[in-house]
Amino acid sequence: MPLSFNGRWRFEAPPDTAYILNQIPPEAVAEFIEMVNRLAPQADRWETIELFKRHFVEAVGSTHWRSSALYFAEHDLRRDASAAAANAPLFIEAFFDACRSFEAEENGRYAPDEARINAVLANYNIGFEIREGRLLLRGTEPQLVAVNAATPTLAERSVQLVQESLQRASEMLQQGRSREAVQESLWLLETVATAFRGIDTQTGSIEGQYFNQIVRELRAANRGGTLDRALHWAMTVHGYLSSPTGGGVRHGLDLQEGVQVSENEARLFCNLIRSYVGFLLVEHERMVRQR
């Protein structure tokens, strides 16, 4: 799979901070070229150099032309890599994708993996790192709220479903698919709520079929407590995200008044929903054990 990252970086790399973010320094370019030289003996050297040349040339929006001799190809590789280095994310993408293409051409070939590339980036204080095929700013990716889905009161199939949904939402968020990540999280909240159906409370058993019905019955049985407040907040988030003029992720977005969810807002909503899901799973376990 090609390396993915924030599309805005294709046109303008982030400005330097404590890290180098804008351009790949010449010393680092030289080390990346040396890695190409080391992996080249696994195949035809000239073809290998042309492969990396093509990726670097395409990174700057130019057309790849085959060099007339191996000597010129080696010279052109240094030239093309240096040109791509003017935009750090594009350079890293070109090298990473070329490595994966090199490996894919024949079984048994080795090219630098994420860890090796990250080590070079860190050595030259370049503020990017590759995580599972995505280029991220080093040390700035916030962690999502942890959710323990392995509660003993849920069936094994249900636990797997929750874990898979949490993972999907996390991957979508990392890929910049904000709306889909929130949609998946909202679906999980509604799904987890159904686990309470049939549980006996002081006011009777929970009989609701849908999220709002289940939540109302649970709140009625737990007036004034933390569960009551948490469910109220969860309903508020659920209602906002469902509304076409709110988050617009459930019933469509109002094209005139709706506002699309940004990456920052998506992370907020996903973390809020994950916290409610985690809390509800623990409460479900407590209520089942009290039967």
Protein backbone atom coordinates (compact mmCIF):
# COMPACT_ATOMS: atom_id res chain seq x y z
CA MET A 1 0.00 0.00 0.00
CA PRO A 2 1.27 3.53 -0.79
CA LEU A 3 2.23 5.75 2.11
CA SER A 4 -0.65 8.00 3.21
CA PHE A 5 -0.47 11.38 4.91
CA ASN A 6 -2.16 14.78 5.19
CA GLY A 7 -2.93 15.87 1.63
CA ARG A 8 -2.06 19.50 2.37
CA TRP A 9 1.58 18.49 2.77
CA ARG A 10 1.77 17.73 -0.95
CA PHE A 11 1.60 21.45 -1.64
CA GLU A 12 3.31 22.83 1.46
CA ALA A 13 5.30 20.91 4.03
CA PRO A 14 4.84 21.95 7.67
CA PRO A 15 7.20 24.72 8.86
CA ASP A 16 10.22 23.66 10.92
CA THR A 17 9.83 23.63 14.70
CA ALA A 18 12.20 21.90 17.10
CA TYR A 19 12.23 19.29 14.34
CA ILE A 20 13.12 19.61 10.65
CA LEU A 21 9.80 19.34 8.80
CA ASN A 22 10.14 21.34 5.61
CA GLN A 23 13.08 19.83 3.71
CA ILE A 24 15.22 16.73 3.95
CA PRO A 25 18.80 17.88 4.70
CA PRO A 26 21.55 16.88 2.21
CA GLU A 27 23.23 14.56 4.73
CA ALA A 28 20.00 12.59 5.12
CA VAL A 29 19.49 12.47 1.34
CA ALA A 30 22.98 10.97 1.02
CA GLU A 31 22.14 8.26 3.57
CA PHE A 32 18.92 7.34 1.80
CA ILE A 33 20.82 7.05 -1.50
CA GLU A 34 23.39 4.85 0.23
CA MET A 35 20.53 2.56 1.30
CA VAL A 36 19.51 2.28 -2.36
CA ASN A 37 23.09 1.32 -3.23
CA ARG A 38 23.07 -1.39 -0.55
CA LEU A 39 19.82 -3.01 -1.63
CA ALA A 40 20.58 -2.78 -5.38
CA PRO A 41 22.66 -6.02 -5.56
CA GLN A 42 19.48 -8.03 -4.88
CA ALA A 43 18.38 -7.25 -8.45
CA ASP A 44 19.64 -5.57 -11.60
CA ARG A 45 21.45 -2.48 -10.31
CA TRP A 46 20.46 -0.21 -13.17
CA GLU A 47 16.79 -1.24 -12.96
CA THR A 48 16.80 -0.67 -9.22
CA ILE A 49 18.22 2.83 -9.58
CA GLU A 50 15.66 3.63 -12.28
CA LEU A 51 12.89 2.44 -9.95
CA PHE A 52 13.92 4.89 -7.23
CA LYS A 53 14.56 7.62 -9.79
CA ARG A 54 11.00 7.27 -11.07
CA HIS A 55 9.49 7.68 -7.61
CA PHE A 56 11.61 10.74 -6.81
CA VAL A 57 10.86 12.33 -10.20
CA GLU A 58 7.13 11.76 -9.82
CA ALA A 59 7.30 13.33 -6.33
CA VAL A 60 8.16 16.69 -7.90
CA GLY A 61 5.59 16.32 -10.67
CA SER A 62 8.01 15.58 -13.51
CA THR A 63 8.23 12.80 -16.07
CA HIS A 64 10.69 9.97 -15.62
CA TRP A 65 13.24 9.42 -18.39
CA ARG A 66 15.56 6.45 -18.40
CA SER A 67 19.24 7.36 -18.20
CA SER A 68 21.45 6.36 -21.13
CA ALA A 69 23.97 4.47 -18.96
CA LEU A 70 24.36 3.15 -15.41
CA TYR A 71 26.90 5.86 -14.60
CA PHE A 72 24.43 8.58 -15.60
CA ALA A 73 21.60 6.81 -13.75
CA GLU A 74 23.58 6.99 -10.50
CA HIS A 75 24.22 10.69 -11.07
CA ASP A 76 20.57 11.33 -11.99
CA LEU A 77 19.37 9.51 -8.87
CA ARG A 78 21.31 11.91 -6.66
CA ARG A 79 19.94 14.85 -8.64
CA ASP A 80 16.33 13.68 -8.53
CA ALA A 81 16.46 12.74 -4.84
CA SER A 82 17.87 16.18 -4.01
CA ALA A 83 15.06 17.83 -5.95
CA ALA A 84 12.41 15.80 -4.11
CA ALA A 85 14.04 16.70 -0.78
CA ALA A 86 12.59 20.24 -1.12
CA ASN A 87 9.37 18.79 0.31
CA ALA A 88 10.09 16.37 3.16
CA PRO A 89 6.77 14.42 3.11
CA LEU A 90 6.99 13.88 -0.66
CA PHE A 91 10.58 12.68 -0.38
CA ILE A 92 9.69 10.21 2.37
CA GLU A 93 6.67 9.00 0.39
CA ALA A 94 8.81 8.48 -2.71
CA PHE A 95 11.45 6.47 -0.85
CA PHE A 96 8.92 4.41 1.12
CA ASP A 97 6.80 3.56 -1.92
CA ALA A 98 9.89 2.70 -3.98
CA CYS A 99 11.01 0.30 -1.24
CA ARG A 100 7.64 -1.44 -1.23
CA SER A 101 7.65 -1.65 -5.04
CA PHE A 102 11.16 -3.12 -4.98
CA GLU A 103 10.09 -5.83 -2.54
CA ALA A 104 6.92 -6.61 -4.46
CA GLU A 105 8.74 -7.27 -7.75
CA GLU A 106 10.23 -10.53 -6.51
CA ASN A 107 9.81 -12.67 -3.39
CA GLY A 108 12.70 -12.65 -0.97
CA ARG A 109 13.87 -9.12 -1.65
CA TYR A 110 14.47 -6.84 1.30
CA ALA A 111 14.12 -3.07 1.38
CA PRO A 112 14.27 -0.73 4.38
CA ASP A 113 11.13 -1.08 6.48
CA GLU A 114 9.30 1.51 8.59
CA ALA A 115 11.65 1.05 11.55
CA ARG A 116 14.79 1.54 9.43
CA ILE A 117 13.39 4.63 7.70
CA ASN A 118 12.21 6.08 11.02
CA ALA A 119 15.69 5.55 12.48
CA VAL A 120 17.25 7.68 9.72
CA LEU A 121 14.60 10.38 10.12
CA ALA A 122 15.20 10.49 13.88
CA ASN A 123 18.98 10.55 13.44
CA TYR A 124 18.72 13.78 11.44
CA ASN A 125 16.03 15.31 13.69
CA ILE A 126 13.42 15.10 10.94
CA GLY A 127 10.04 15.42 12.62
CA PHE A 128 8.14 12.67 10.81
CA GLU A 129 7.65 8.99 11.48
CA ILE A 130 5.86 6.22 9.65
CA ARG A 131 3.29 4.20 11.57
CA GLU A 132 1.49 1.34 9.86
CA GLY A 133 1.72 2.93 6.43
CA ARG A 134 0.86 6.48 7.48
CA LEU A 135 3.24 9.44 7.77
CA LEU A 136 2.69 11.38 10.99
CA LEU A 137 4.31 14.26 12.80
CA ARG A 138 6.70 12.84 15.37
CA GLY A 139 5.30 12.76 18.88
CA THR A 140 2.17 14.76 18.06
CA GLU A 141 -0.43 12.07 17.34
CA PRO A 142 -2.84 12.12 20.33
CA GLN A 143 -3.79 8.76 21.76
CA LEU A 144 -7.41 7.70 21.71
CA VAL A 145 -9.19 6.84 24.94
CA ALA A 146 -8.52 3.21 25.80
CA VAL A 147 -11.55 0.92 25.96
CA ASN A 148 -11.46 -2.51 27.56
CA ALA A 149 -13.95 -4.52 25.56
CA ALA A 150 -13.06 -7.88 27.13
CA THR A 151 -15.74 -7.79 29.82
CA PRO A 152 -16.67 -11.26 31.06
CA THR A 153 -20.41 -10.53 30.84
CA LEU A 154 -20.30 -10.14 27.06
CA ALA A 155 -20.32 -13.11 24.73
CA GLU A 156 -17.09 -13.79 22.84
CA ARG A 157 -18.71 -12.75 19.56
CA SER A 158 -19.84 -9.45 21.09
CA VAL A 159 -16.37 -8.73 22.46
CA GLN A 160 -14.86 -9.32 19.03
CA LEU A 161 -17.43 -7.05 17.40
CA VAL A 162 -16.65 -4.21 19.83
CA GLN A 163 -12.90 -4.60 19.39
CA GLU A 164 -13.15 -4.64 15.60
CA SER A 165 -15.32 -1.52 15.60
CA LEU A 166 -12.90 0.32 17.88
CA GLN A 167 -10.05 -0.62 15.58
CA ARG A 168 -11.91 0.47 12.44
CA ALA A 169 -12.73 3.88 13.92
CA SER A 170 -9.10 4.35 14.98
CA GLU A 171 -7.81 3.45 11.51
CA MET A 172 -10.28 5.79 9.81
CA LEU A 173 -9.23 8.62 12.09
CA GLN A 174 -5.56 8.00 11.28
CA GLN A 175 -6.40 8.01 7.58
CA GLY A 176 -8.08 11.40 7.84
CA ARG A 177 -11.56 9.93 7.22
CA SER A 178 -13.17 12.03 9.95
CA ARG A 179 -16.84 11.52 9.15
CA GLU A 180 -16.50 7.75 8.74
CA ALA A 181 -14.58 7.48 12.04
CA VAL A 182 -17.35 9.30 13.93
CA GLN A 183 -20.02 7.25 12.15
CA GLU A 184 -18.33 4.02 13.20
CA SER A 185 -18.00 5.26 16.80
CA LEU A 186 -21.66 6.29 16.91
CA TRP A 187 -22.68 2.90 15.54
CA LEU A 188 -20.67 1.23 18.29
CA LEU A 189 -22.34 3.35 20.99
CA GLU A 190 -25.77 2.32 19.72
CA THR A 191 -24.65 -1.32 19.51
CA VAL A 192 -23.27 -1.45 23.04
CA ALA A 193 -26.51 0.05 24.37
CA THR A 194 -28.40 -3.02 23.12
CA ALA A 195 -26.43 -5.16 25.57
CA PHE A 196 -28.67 -3.76 28.35
CA ARG A 197 -31.84 -5.14 26.77
CA GLY A 198 -33.47 -7.64 29.10
CA ILE A 199 -31.56 -6.55 32.22
CA ASP A 200 -33.79 -6.23 35.31
CA THR A 201 -33.77 -2.92 37.19
CA GLN A 202 -35.71 -1.47 40.11
CA THR A 203 -38.27 -0.12 37.67
CA GLY A 204 -38.53 -3.27 35.56
CA SER A 205 -36.52 -4.86 32.77
CA ILE A 206 -35.03 -2.88 29.89
CA GLU A 207 -37.28 -3.50 26.89
CA GLY A 208 -36.31 -0.76 24.43
CA GLN A 209 -35.19 -1.74 20.95
CA TYR A 210 -33.32 1.40 19.94
CA PHE A 211 -30.67 3.60 21.49
CA ASN A 212 -32.91 6.43 22.71
CA GLN A 213 -35.48 4.01 24.15
CA ILE A 214 -32.86 1.98 25.98
CA VAL A 215 -31.16 5.08 27.35
CA ARG A 216 -34.46 6.55 28.63
CA GLU A 217 -35.28 3.33 30.48
CA LEU A 218 -31.80 3.09 31.97
CA ARG A 219 -31.92 6.72 33.12
CA ALA A 220 -35.33 6.18 34.69
CA ALA A 221 -33.88 3.30 36.72
CA ASN A 222 -30.81 5.28 37.81
CA ARG A 223 -32.07 8.80 38.51
CA GLY A 224 -29.52 11.16 40.02
CA GLY A 225 -26.55 8.84 39.68
CA THR A 226 -23.46 8.96 37.52
CA LEU A 227 -24.99 6.57 35.00
CA ASP A 228 -27.94 8.95 34.63
CA ARG A 229 -25.59 11.89 33.92
CA ALA A 230 -23.34 9.91 31.59
CA LEU A 231 -26.32 8.71 29.56
CA HIS A 232 -27.64 12.27 29.36
CA TRP A 233 -24.31 13.44 27.94
CA ALA A 234 -24.18 10.47 25.57
CA MET A 235 -27.67 11.29 24.30
CA THR A 236 -26.64 14.90 23.76
CA VAL A 237 -23.65 13.88 21.65
CA HIS A 238 -25.74 11.27 19.83
CA GLY A 239 -28.45 13.82 19.05
CA TYR A 240 -25.99 16.44 17.82
CA LEU A 241 -24.15 14.02 15.56
CA SER A 242 -27.44 12.63 14.21
CA SER A 243 -28.79 16.06 13.29
CA PRO A 244 -28.26 17.27 9.70
CA THR A 245 -27.40 20.71 11.10
CA GLY A 246 -25.16 19.24 13.79
CA GLY A 247 -22.50 16.67 13.03
CA GLY A 248 -24.51 15.38 10.09
CA VAL A 249 -22.96 11.92 10.26
CA ARG A 250 -26.11 9.84 10.74
CA HIS A 251 -29.04 11.37 8.85
CA GLY A 252 -27.05 13.25 6.26
CA LEU A 253 -25.65 16.78 6.25
CA ASP A 254 -27.82 19.83 5.66
CA LEU A 255 -26.24 21.31 2.52
CA GLN A 256 -27.29 24.83 3.48
CA GLU A 257 -26.67 24.99 7.21
CA GLY A 258 -24.65 21.88 8.06
CA VAL A 259 -20.94 22.01 8.93
CA GLN A 260 -18.68 19.07 8.15
CA VAL A 261 -16.74 17.50 11.02
CA SER A 262 -13.07 18.54 11.05
CA GLU A 263 -10.20 16.21 12.01
CA ASN A 264 -9.88 17.87 15.42
CA GLU A 265 -13.63 17.65 16.07
CA ALA A 266 -13.69 14.03 14.92
CA ARG A 267 -11.01 13.11 17.45
CA LEU A 268 -12.99 14.88 20.17
CA PHE A 269 -16.22 13.05 19.29
CA CYS A 270 -14.47 9.69 18.96
CA ASN A 271 -12.83 10.10 22.35
CA LEU A 272 -16.10 11.19 23.98
CA ILE A 273 -17.95 8.22 22.51
CA ARG A 274 -15.16 5.82 23.45
CA SER A 275 -15.32 7.06 27.05
CA TYR A 276 -19.09 6.46 27.13
CA VAL A 277 -18.67 3.01 25.57
CA GLY A 278 -16.03 2.06 28.14
CA PHE A 279 -18.20 3.32 30.99
CA LEU A 280 -21.29 1.48 29.70
CA LEU A 281 -19.39 -1.78 29.36
CA VAL A 282 -18.31 -1.60 33.00
CA GLU A 283 -21.84 -0.66 34.11
CA HIS A 284 -23.26 -3.56 32.11
CA GLU A 285 -20.92 -5.94 33.89
CA ARG A 286 -21.90 -4.52 37.29
CA MET A 287 -25.64 -4.77 36.59
CA VAL A 288 -25.39 -8.33 35.27
CA ARG A 289 -23.45 -9.46 38.34
CA GLN A 290 -26.07 -7.95 40.63
CA ARG A 291 -28.84 -10.09 39.16
